[in-house]
C-alpha atoms as a PDB file:
ATOM      1  CA  UNK A   1     -78.788  65.130 -43.095  1.00  0.00           C
ATOM      2  CA  UNK A   2     -77.653  64.855 -46.627  1.00  0.00           C
ATOM      3  CA  UNK A   3     -76.848  61.593 -48.357  1.00  0.00           C
ATOM      4  CA  UNK A   4     -73.192  62.555 -48.442  1.00  0.00           C
ATOM      5  CA  UNK A   5     -73.159  62.852 -44.621  1.00  0.00           C
ATOM      6  CA  UNK A   6     -74.727  59.439 -44.294  1.00  0.00           C
ATOM      7  CA  UNK A   7     -72.169  57.963 -46.605  1.00  0.00           C
ATOM      8  CA  UNK A   8     -69.315  59.561 -44.686  1.00  0.00           C
ATOM      9  CA  UNK A   9     -70.801  58.349 -41.383  1.00  0.00           C
ATOM     10  CA  UNK A  10     -71.080  54.846 -42.734  1.00  0.00           C
ATOM     11  CA  UNK A  11     -67.620  54.882 -44.119  1.00  0.00           C
ATOM     12  CA  UNK A  12     -66.344  56.154 -40.781  1.00  0.00           C
ATOM     13  CA  UNK A  13     -68.100  53.324 -38.965  1.00  0.00           C
ATOM     14  CA  UNK A  14     -66.699  50.775 -41.420  1.00  0.00           C
ATOM     15  CA  UNK A  15     -63.171  52.085 -40.927  1.00  0.00           C
ATOM     16  CA  UNK A  16     -63.653  52.043 -37.176  1.00  0.00           C
ATOM     17  CA  UNK A  17     -64.764  48.405 -37.339  1.00  0.00           C
ATOM     18  CA  UNK A  18     -61.823  47.457 -39.475  1.00  0.00           C
ATOM     19  CA  UNK A  19     -59.509  49.281 -37.075  1.00  0.00           C
ATOM     20  CA  UNK A  20     -61.096  47.412 -34.130  1.00  0.00           C
ATOM     21  CA  UNK A  21     -60.671  44.083 -35.896  1.00  0.00           C
ATOM     22  CA  UNK A  22     -57.061  44.938 -36.753  1.00  0.00           C
ATOM     23  CA  UNK A  23     -56.411  45.978 -33.118  1.00  0.00           C
ATOM     24  CA  UNK A  24     -57.987  42.766 -31.818  1.00  0.00           C
ATOM     25  CA  UNK A  25     -55.929  40.706 -34.266  1.00  0.00           C
ATOM     26  CA  UNK A  26     -52.733  42.508 -33.164  1.00  0.00           C
ATOM     27  CA  UNK A  27     -53.529  41.953 -29.532  1.00  0.00           C
ATOM     28  CA  UNK A  28     -54.290  38.239 -30.141  1.00  0.00           C
ATOM     29  CA  UNK A  29     -51.022  37.925 -32.079  1.00  0.00           C
ATOM     30  CA  UNK A  30     -49.096  39.685 -29.287  1.00  0.00           C
ATOM     31  CA  UNK A  31     -50.710  37.416 -26.728  1.00  0.00           C
ATOM     32  CA  UNK A  32     -49.868  34.362 -28.801  1.00  0.00           C
ATOM     33  CA  UNK A  33     -46.303  35.544 -29.178  1.00  0.00           C
ATOM     34  CA  UNK A  34     -45.990  35.957 -25.408  1.00  0.00           C
ATOM     35  CA  UNK A  35     -47.404  32.484 -24.853  1.00  0.00           C
ATOM     36  CA  UNK A  36     -45.019  31.114 -27.418  1.00  0.00           C
ATOM     37  CA  UNK A  37     -42.030  32.804 -25.789  1.00  0.00           C
ATOM     38  CA  UNK A  38     -43.121  31.526 -22.356  1.00  0.00           C
ATOM     39  CA  UNK A  39     -43.487  27.933 -23.629  1.00  0.00           C
ATOM     40  CA  UNK A  40     -40.103  28.307 -25.337  1.00  0.00           C
ATOM     41  CA  UNK A  41     -38.531  29.491 -22.102  1.00  0.00           C
ATOM     42  CA  UNK A  42     -40.175  26.608 -20.216  1.00  0.00           C
ATOM     43  CA  UNK A  43     -38.975  24.197 -22.851  1.00  0.00           C
ATOM     44  CA  UNK A  44     -35.465  25.598 -22.683  1.00  0.00           C
ATOM     45  CA  UNK A  45     -35.536  25.299 -18.872  1.00  0.00           C
ATOM     46  CA  UNK A  46     -36.668  21.657 -19.135  1.00  0.00           C
ATOM     47  CA  UNK A  47     -33.945  20.948 -21.680  1.00  0.00           C
ATOM     48  CA  UNK A  48     -31.373  22.646 -19.551  1.00  0.00           C
ATOM     49  CA  UNK A  49     -32.537  20.653 -16.469  1.00  0.00           C
ATOM     50  CA  UNK A  50     -32.404  17.366 -18.382  1.00  0.00           C
ATOM     51  CA  UNK A  51     -28.996  18.233 -19.793  1.00  0.00           C
ATOM     52  CA  UNK A  52     -27.657  19.161 -16.382  1.00  0.00           C
ATOM     53  CA  UNK A  53     -29.001  15.931 -14.870  1.00  0.00           C
ATOM     54  CA  UNK A  54     -27.390  13.874 -17.645  1.00  0.00           C
ATOM     55  CA  UNK A  55     -24.092  15.693 -17.224  1.00  0.00           C
ATOM     56  CA  UNK A  56     -24.214  15.131 -13.459  1.00  0.00           C
ATOM     57  CA  UNK A  57     -24.970  11.418 -13.963  1.00  0.00           C
ATOM     58  CA  UNK A  58     -22.120  11.115 -16.493  1.00  0.00           C
ATOM     59  CA  UNK A  59     -19.772  12.909 -14.128  1.00  0.00           C
ATOM     60  CA  UNK A  60     -20.693  10.522 -11.308  1.00  0.00           C
ATOM     61  CA  UNK A  61     -20.186   7.564 -13.622  1.00  0.00           C
ATOM     62  CA  UNK A  62     -16.751   8.881 -14.613  1.00  0.00           C
ATOM     63  CA  UNK A  63     -15.845   9.410 -10.939  1.00  0.00           C
ATOM     64  CA  UNK A  64     -16.969   5.872 -10.118  1.00  0.00           C
ATOM     65  CA  UNK A  65     -14.984   4.532 -13.078  1.00  0.00           C
ATOM     66  CA  UNK A  66     -11.839   6.441 -11.977  1.00  0.00           C
ATOM     67  CA  UNK A  67     -12.340   5.203  -8.380  1.00  0.00           C
ATOM     68  CA  UNK A  68     -12.742   1.548  -9.557  1.00  0.00           C
ATOM     69  CA  UNK A  69      -9.714   1.889 -11.820  1.00  0.00           C
ATOM     70  CA  UNK A  70      -7.637   3.356  -8.990  1.00  0.00           C
ATOM     71  CA  UNK A  71      -8.818   0.585  -6.631  1.00  0.00           C
ATOM     72  CA  UNK A  72      -7.978  -2.123  -9.164  1.00  0.00           C
ATOM     73  CA  UNK A  73      -4.589  -0.633  -9.799  1.00  0.00           C
ATOM     74  CA  UNK A  74      -3.941  -0.401  -6.043  1.00  0.00           C
ATOM     75  CA  UNK A  75      -5.022  -3.997  -5.508  1.00  0.00           C
ATOM     76  CA  UNK A  76      -2.892  -5.205  -8.418  1.00  0.00           C
ATOM     77  CA  UNK A  77       0.077  -3.192  -7.114  1.00  0.00           C
ATOM     78  CA  UNK A  78      -0.408  -4.626  -3.627  1.00  0.00           C
ATOM     79  CA  UNK A  79      -0.640  -8.223  -4.973  1.00  0.00           C
ATOM     80  CA  UNK A  80       2.527  -7.591  -7.003  1.00  0.00           C
ATOM     81  CA  UNK A  81       4.317  -6.229  -3.907  1.00  0.00           C
ATOM     82  CA  UNK A  82       3.198  -9.230  -1.804  1.00  0.00           C
ATOM     83  CA  UNK A  83       4.374 -11.711  -4.393  1.00  0.00           C
ATOM     84  CA  UNK A  84       7.704  -9.924  -4.834  1.00  0.00           C
ATOM     85  CA  UNK A  85       8.287  -9.670  -1.073  1.00  0.00           C
ATOM     86  CA  UNK A  86       7.731 -13.397  -0.407  1.00  0.00           C
ATOM     87  CA  UNK A  87      10.854 -15.107   0.900  1.00  0.00           C
ATOM     88  CA  UNK A  88       9.449 -18.386  -0.395  1.00  0.00           C
ATOM     89  CA  UNK A  89       9.429 -19.293  -4.064  1.00  0.00           C
ATOM     90  CA  UNK A  90       6.172 -18.987  -5.883  1.00  0.00           C
ATOM     91  CA  UNK A  91       5.371 -20.565  -9.250  1.00  0.00           C
ATOM     92  CA  UNK A  92       1.851 -20.458 -10.741  1.00  0.00           C
ATOM     93  CA  UNK A  93       1.124 -22.479 -13.866  1.00  0.00           C
ATOM     94  CA  UNK A  94      -2.072 -22.866 -15.922  1.00  0.00           C
ATOM     95  CA  UNK A  95      -3.621 -26.119 -17.292  1.00  0.00           C
ATOM     96  CA  UNK A  96      -1.366 -25.926 -20.359  1.00  0.00           C
ATOM     97  CA  UNK A  97       1.753 -25.811 -18.154  1.00  0.00           C
ATOM     98  CA  UNK A  98       2.559 -22.231 -18.916  1.00  0.00           C
ATOM     99  CA  UNK A  99       4.165 -20.310 -16.070  1.00  0.00           C
ATOM    100  CA  UNK A 100       1.931 -17.356 -15.137  1.00  0.00           C
ATOM    101  CA  UNK A 101       3.792 -16.087 -11.988  1.00  0.00           C
ATOM    102  CA  UNK A 102       7.448 -16.472 -11.109  1.00  0.00           C
ATOM    103  CA  UNK A 103       8.516 -14.408  -8.128  1.00  0.00           C
ATOM    104  CA  UNK A 104      12.128 -13.218  -7.417  1.00  0.00           C
ATOM    105  CA  UNK A 105      12.573 -15.794  -4.604  1.00  0.00           C
ATOM    106  CA  UNK A 106      11.724 -18.607  -7.055  1.00  0.00           C
ATOM    107  CA  UNK A 107      14.196 -17.242  -9.590  1.00  0.00           C
ATOM    108  CA  UNK A 108      16.879 -17.118  -6.961  1.00  0.00           C
ATOM    109  CA  UNK A 109      16.268 -20.590  -5.582  1.00  0.00           C
ATOM    110  CA  UNK A 110      15.868 -22.298  -8.959  1.00  0.00           C
ATOM    111  CA  UNK A 111      18.531 -20.251 -10.738  1.00  0.00           C
ATOM    112  CA  UNK A 112      16.159 -19.152 -13.527  1.00  0.00           C
ATOM    113  CA  UNK A 113      15.236 -15.747 -15.020  1.00  0.00           C
ATOM    114  CA  UNK A 114      12.033 -13.764 -14.490  1.00  0.00           C
ATOM    115  CA  UNK A 115      11.791 -13.642 -18.295  1.00  0.00           C
ATOM    116  CA  UNK A 116      11.102 -17.401 -18.246  1.00  0.00           C
ATOM    117  CA  UNK A 117       7.515 -16.584 -17.164  1.00  0.00           C
ATOM    118  CA  UNK A 118       5.288 -17.420 -20.109  1.00  0.00           C
ATOM    119  CA  UNK A 119       7.151 -20.606 -20.985  1.00  0.00           C
ATOM    120  CA  UNK A 120       6.362 -24.218 -20.169  1.00  0.00           C
ATOM    121  CA  UNK A 121       7.322 -25.085 -16.612  1.00  0.00           C
ATOM    122  CA  UNK A 122       8.800 -28.451 -17.664  1.00  0.00           C
ATOM    123  CA  UNK A 123      11.323 -26.606 -19.806  1.00  0.00           C
ATOM    124  CA  UNK A 124      12.051 -23.876 -17.216  1.00  0.00           C
ATOM    125  CA  UNK A 125      12.453 -26.421 -14.423  1.00  0.00           C
ATOM    126  CA  UNK A 126      14.567 -28.848 -16.390  1.00  0.00           C
ATOM    127  CA  UNK A 127      17.262 -28.345 -13.724  1.00  0.00           C
ATOM    128  CA  UNK A 128      14.787 -28.976 -10.970  1.00  0.00           C
ATOM    129  CA  UNK A 129      13.030 -32.124 -12.169  1.00  0.00           C
ATOM    130  CA  UNK A 130      11.799 -33.347  -8.745  1.00  0.00           C
ATOM    131  CA  UNK A 131       9.961 -30.019  -8.280  1.00  0.00           C
ATOM    132  CA  UNK A 132       8.454 -30.197 -11.753  1.00  0.00           C
ATOM    133  CA  UNK A 133       7.233 -33.756 -11.032  1.00  0.00           C
ATOM    134  CA  UNK A 134       5.296 -32.591  -7.942  1.00  0.00           C
ATOM    135  CA  UNK A 135       3.642 -29.759 -10.007  1.00  0.00           C
ATOM    136  CA  UNK A 136       2.796 -32.309 -12.725  1.00  0.00           C
ATOM    137  CA  UNK A 137       1.260 -34.600 -10.136  1.00  0.00           C
ATOM    138  CA  UNK A 138      -0.975 -31.845  -8.845  1.00  0.00           C
ATOM    139  CA  UNK A 139      -2.107 -30.862 -12.355  1.00  0.00           C
ATOM    140  CA  UNK A 140      -2.942 -34.443 -13.319  1.00  0.00           C
ATOM    141  CA  UNK A 141      -4.701 -35.388 -10.071  1.00  0.00           C
ATOM    142  CA  UNK A 142      -6.213 -32.030  -9.053  1.00  0.00           C
ATOM    143  CA  UNK A 143      -5.150 -32.878  -5.472  1.00  0.00           C
ATOM    144  CA  UNK A 144      -2.750 -30.912  -3.308  1.00  0.00           C
ATOM    145  CA  UNK A 145       0.753 -32.144  -2.519  1.00  0.00           C
ATOM    146  CA  UNK A 146       1.399 -30.928   1.017  1.00  0.00           C
ATOM    147  CA  UNK A 147       4.825 -30.585   2.745  1.00  0.00           C
ATOM    148  CA  UNK A 148       6.841 -32.599   0.248  1.00  0.00           C
ATOM    149  CA  UNK A 149      10.577 -32.609   0.516  1.00  0.00           C
ATOM    150  CA  UNK A 150      12.592 -32.673  -2.739  1.00  0.00           C
ATOM    151  CA  UNK A 151      16.341 -32.514  -3.304  1.00  0.00           C
ATOM    152  CA  UNK A 152      17.996 -30.727  -6.187  1.00  0.00           C
ATOM    153  CA  UNK A 153      21.464 -32.167  -6.867  1.00  0.00           C
ATOM    154  CA  UNK A 154      23.756 -29.566  -8.394  1.00  0.00           C
ATOM    155  CA  UNK A 155      27.459 -29.724  -9.215  1.00  0.00           C
ATOM    156  CA  UNK A 156      28.372 -27.363  -6.387  1.00  0.00           C
ATOM    157  CA  UNK A 157      25.884 -28.451  -3.733  1.00  0.00           C
ATOM    158  CA  UNK A 158      22.595 -30.223  -2.960  1.00  0.00           C
ATOM    159  CA  UNK A 159      19.579 -28.014  -2.296  1.00  0.00           C
ATOM    160  CA  UNK A 160      16.669 -29.304  -0.174  1.00  0.00           C
ATOM    161  CA  UNK A 161      13.282 -27.738  -0.770  1.00  0.00           C
ATOM    162  CA  UNK A 162      10.065 -27.991   1.236  1.00  0.00           C
ATOM    163  CA  UNK A 163       7.262 -27.917  -1.339  1.00  0.00           C
ATOM    164  CA  UNK A 164       3.494 -27.488  -1.205  1.00  0.00           C
ATOM    165  CA  UNK A 165       1.498 -27.492  -4.458  1.00  0.00           C
ATOM    166  CA  UNK A 166      -2.203 -26.605  -4.414  1.00  0.00           C
ATOM    167  CA  UNK A 167      -4.758 -26.823  -7.211  1.00  0.00           C
ATOM    168  CA  UNK A 168      -5.850 -23.456  -8.620  1.00  0.00           C
ATOM    169  CA  UNK A 169      -9.656 -23.474  -8.771  1.00  0.00           C
ATOM    170  CA  UNK A 170     -12.158 -20.904 -10.070  1.00  0.00           C
ATOM    171  CA  UNK A 171     -15.521 -19.952  -8.499  1.00  0.00           C
ATOM    172  CA  UNK A 172     -17.140 -23.082  -9.945  1.00  0.00           C
ATOM    173  CA  UNK A 173     -14.386 -25.306  -8.415  1.00  0.00           C
ATOM    174  CA  UNK A 174     -13.023 -26.037 -11.879  1.00  0.00           C
ATOM    175  CA  UNK A 175      -9.279 -26.684 -12.129  1.00  0.00           C
ATOM    176  CA  UNK A 176      -7.414 -23.811 -13.757  1.00  0.00           C
ATOM    177  CA  UNK A 177      -3.826 -24.677 -12.832  1.00  0.00           C
ATOM    178  CA  UNK A 178      -1.528 -25.123  -9.878  1.00  0.00           C
ATOM    179  CA  UNK A 179       0.112 -22.916  -7.268  1.00  0.00           C
ATOM    180  CA  UNK A 180       3.561 -24.066  -6.028  1.00  0.00           C
ATOM    181  CA  UNK A 181       5.057 -22.589  -2.932  1.00  0.00           C
ATOM    182  CA  UNK A 182       8.503 -23.787  -1.764  1.00  0.00           C
ATOM    183  CA  UNK A 183      11.242 -22.869   0.687  1.00  0.00           C
ATOM    184  CA  UNK A 184      14.902 -23.615   1.048  1.00  0.00           C
ATOM    185  CA  UNK A 185      15.318 -26.154   3.846  1.00  0.00           C
ATOM    186  CA  UNK A 186      19.025 -26.898   3.147  1.00  0.00           C
ATOM    187  CA  UNK A 187      20.195 -25.183   6.356  1.00  0.00           C
ATOM    188  CA  UNK A 188      17.553 -26.969   8.451  1.00  0.00           C
ATOM    189  CA  UNK A 189      18.388 -30.365   7.013  1.00  0.00           C
ATOM    190  CA  UNK A 190      22.084 -29.755   7.383  1.00  0.00           C
ATOM    191  CA  UNK A 191      21.509 -28.851  11.023  1.00  0.00           C
ATOM    192  CA  UNK A 192      19.380 -31.972  11.545  1.00  0.00           C
ATOM    193  CA  UNK A 193      22.175 -34.012  10.001  1.00  0.00           C
ATOM    194  CA  UNK A 194      24.705 -32.448  12.355  1.00  0.00           C
ATOM    195  CA  UNK A 195      22.455 -33.191  15.276  1.00  0.00           C
ATOM    196  CA  UNK A 196      22.080 -36.792  14.109  1.00  0.00           C
ATOM    197  CA  UNK A 197      25.859 -37.131  13.725  1.00  0.00           C
ATOM    198  CA  UNK A 198      26.396 -35.579  17.181  1.00  0.00           C
ATOM    199  CA  UNK A 199      23.849 -37.958  18.678  1.00  0.00           C
ATOM    200  CA  UNK A 200      25.468 -40.951  16.973  1.00  0.00           C
ATOM    201  CA  UNK A 201      28.883 -39.919  18.212  1.00  0.00           C
ATOM    202  CA  UNK A 202      27.465 -39.495  21.701  1.00  0.00           C
ATOM    203  CA  UNK A 203      26.053 -42.997  21.625  1.00  0.00           C
ATOM    204  CA  UNK A 204      29.315 -44.287  20.221  1.00  0.00           C
ATOM    205  CA  UNK A 205      31.231 -42.570  23.038  1.00  0.00           C
ATOM    206  CA  UNK A 206      28.970 -44.193  25.637  1.00  0.00           C
ATOM    207  CA  UNK A 207      29.510 -47.599  24.041  1.00  0.00           C
ATOM    208  CA  UNK A 208      33.276 -47.024  23.921  1.00  0.00           C
ATOM    209  CA  UNK A 209      33.378 -45.888  27.526  1.00  0.00           C
ATOM    210  CA  UNK A 210      31.366 -49.012  28.579  1.00  0.00           C
ATOM    211  CA  UNK A 211      33.726 -51.337  26.608  1.00  0.00           C
ATOM    212  CA  UNK A 212      36.807 -49.654  28.129  1.00  0.00           C
ATOM    213  CA  UNK A 213      35.317 -50.070  31.562  1.00  0.00           C
ATOM    214  CA  UNK A 214      34.711 -53.758  31.041  1.00  0.00           C
ATOM    215  CA  UNK A 215      38.202 -54.303  29.655  1.00  0.00           C
ATOM    216  CA  UNK A 216      39.735 -52.358  32.504  1.00  0.00           C
ATOM    217  CA  UNK A 217      37.928 -54.396  35.111  1.00  0.00           C
ATOM    218  CA  UNK A 218      39.088 -57.648  33.514  1.00  0.00           C
ATOM    219  CA  UNK A 219      42.655 -56.479  33.091  1.00  0.00           C
ATOM    220  CA  UNK A 220      42.787 -55.260  36.686  1.00  0.00           C
ATOM    221  CA  UNK A 221      41.779 -58.770  37.870  1.00  0.00           C
ATOM    222  CA  UNK A 222      44.385 -60.413  35.678  1.00  0.00           C
ATOM    223  CA  UNK A 223      47.026 -57.892  36.761  1.00  0.00           C
ATOM    224  CA  UNK A 224      46.202 -58.426  40.414  1.00  0.00           C
ATOM    225  CA  UNK A 225      46.507 -62.193  40.253  1.00  0.00           C
ATOM    226  CA  UNK A 226      49.734 -61.868  38.298  1.00  0.00           C
ATOM    227  CA  UNK A 227      51.206 -59.761  41.105  1.00  0.00           C
ATOM    228  CA  UNK A 228      50.398 -62.560  43.542  1.00  0.00           C
ATOM    229  CA  UNK A 229      52.659 -64.929  41.631  1.00  0.00           C
ATOM    230  CA  UNK A 230      56.349 -64.611  42.696  1.00  0.00           C
ATOM    231  CA  UNK A 231      58.607 -65.148  39.700  1.00  0.00           C
ATOM    232  CA  UNK A 232      61.573 -65.907  41.959  1.00  0.00           C
ATOM    233  CA  UNK A 233      59.880 -69.007  43.310  1.00  0.00           C
ATOM    234  CA  UNK A 234      58.967 -70.323  39.877  1.00  0.00           C
ATOM    235  CA  UNK A 235      60.948 -72.431  37.513  1.00  0.00           C
ATOM    236  CA  UNK A 236      62.739 -70.614  34.776  1.00  0.00           C
ATOM    237  CA  UNK A 237      60.176 -71.417  32.064  1.00  0.00           C
ATOM    238  CA  UNK A 238      57.194 -70.286  34.308  1.00  0.00           C
ATOM    239  CA  UNK A 239      59.018 -67.181  35.460  1.00  0.00           C
ATOM    240  CA  UNK A 240      59.050 -65.900  31.907  1.00  0.00           C
ATOM    241  CA  UNK A 241      55.246 -66.353  31.583  1.00  0.00           C
ATOM    242  CA  UNK A 242      54.530 -64.490  34.818  1.00  0.00           C
ATOM    243  CA  UNK A 243      56.729 -61.620  33.792  1.00  0.00           C
ATOM    244  CA  UNK A 244      55.068 -61.447  30.336  1.00  0.00           C
ATOM    245  CA  UNK A 245      51.553 -61.397  31.892  1.00  0.00           C
ATOM    246  CA  UNK A 246      52.551 -58.529  34.173  1.00  0.00           C
ATOM    247  CA  UNK A 247      54.120 -56.550  31.319  1.00  0.00           C
ATOM    248  CA  UNK A 248      51.109 -56.936  28.981  1.00  0.00           C
ATOM    249  CA  UNK A 249      48.561 -56.014  31.639  1.00  0.00           C
ATOM    250  CA  UNK A 250      50.565 -52.962  32.567  1.00  0.00           C
ATOM    251  CA  UNK A 251      50.676 -51.921  28.908  1.00  0.00           C
ATOM    252  CA  UNK A 252      46.951 -52.487  28.334  1.00  0.00           C
END
């Protein structure tokens, strides 16, 4: 074999080695690219999973927030409806004396406006001083005033109220204000007064009947004895007395 043939064979072998190395490098690069794409897909899946979990948690939190808000609004609406529907007057004041709650029944009984809520109760209740005094007593002593009876004297009539004032306490039993609940007892007291008058008249009637009975018995005795006296057999001066006794007992 000639030297040229050996050189060509060596060059061919060198080229074949270089091609093998290149092919190996390409294969390794392709494998690395596949691994990279797989890891990328796995990373994307993990990120997608974490994102979905966070979104689900946020959605649940929003649902809970909406449910709590709806529940709070429903509870507040129910409380407002209860307060508005009370037939008894309700006044709630804080430690500063500011009116926090004033229901329609209280406005009607006290002849004040709902817009007066937020003002000092002493000013708002200037026309109902006895009621304001009971509230002031509860605020100063932190003790309830139970089943008090106060009278509001007005130019057209006198209104009688049955009042209960309770201290408003927080969870630590600290005084925060006072709750005043009152009802109109005017009709009840008027009825009691009528019953008392009727009872007094009944006793007076019994007394009068007894007195009349006693007078009648005495007059009957006098009248009977006067009939036994014969005026014709009496002197003129005594005849006049007998006739006068008979006439007066008949009249009585």
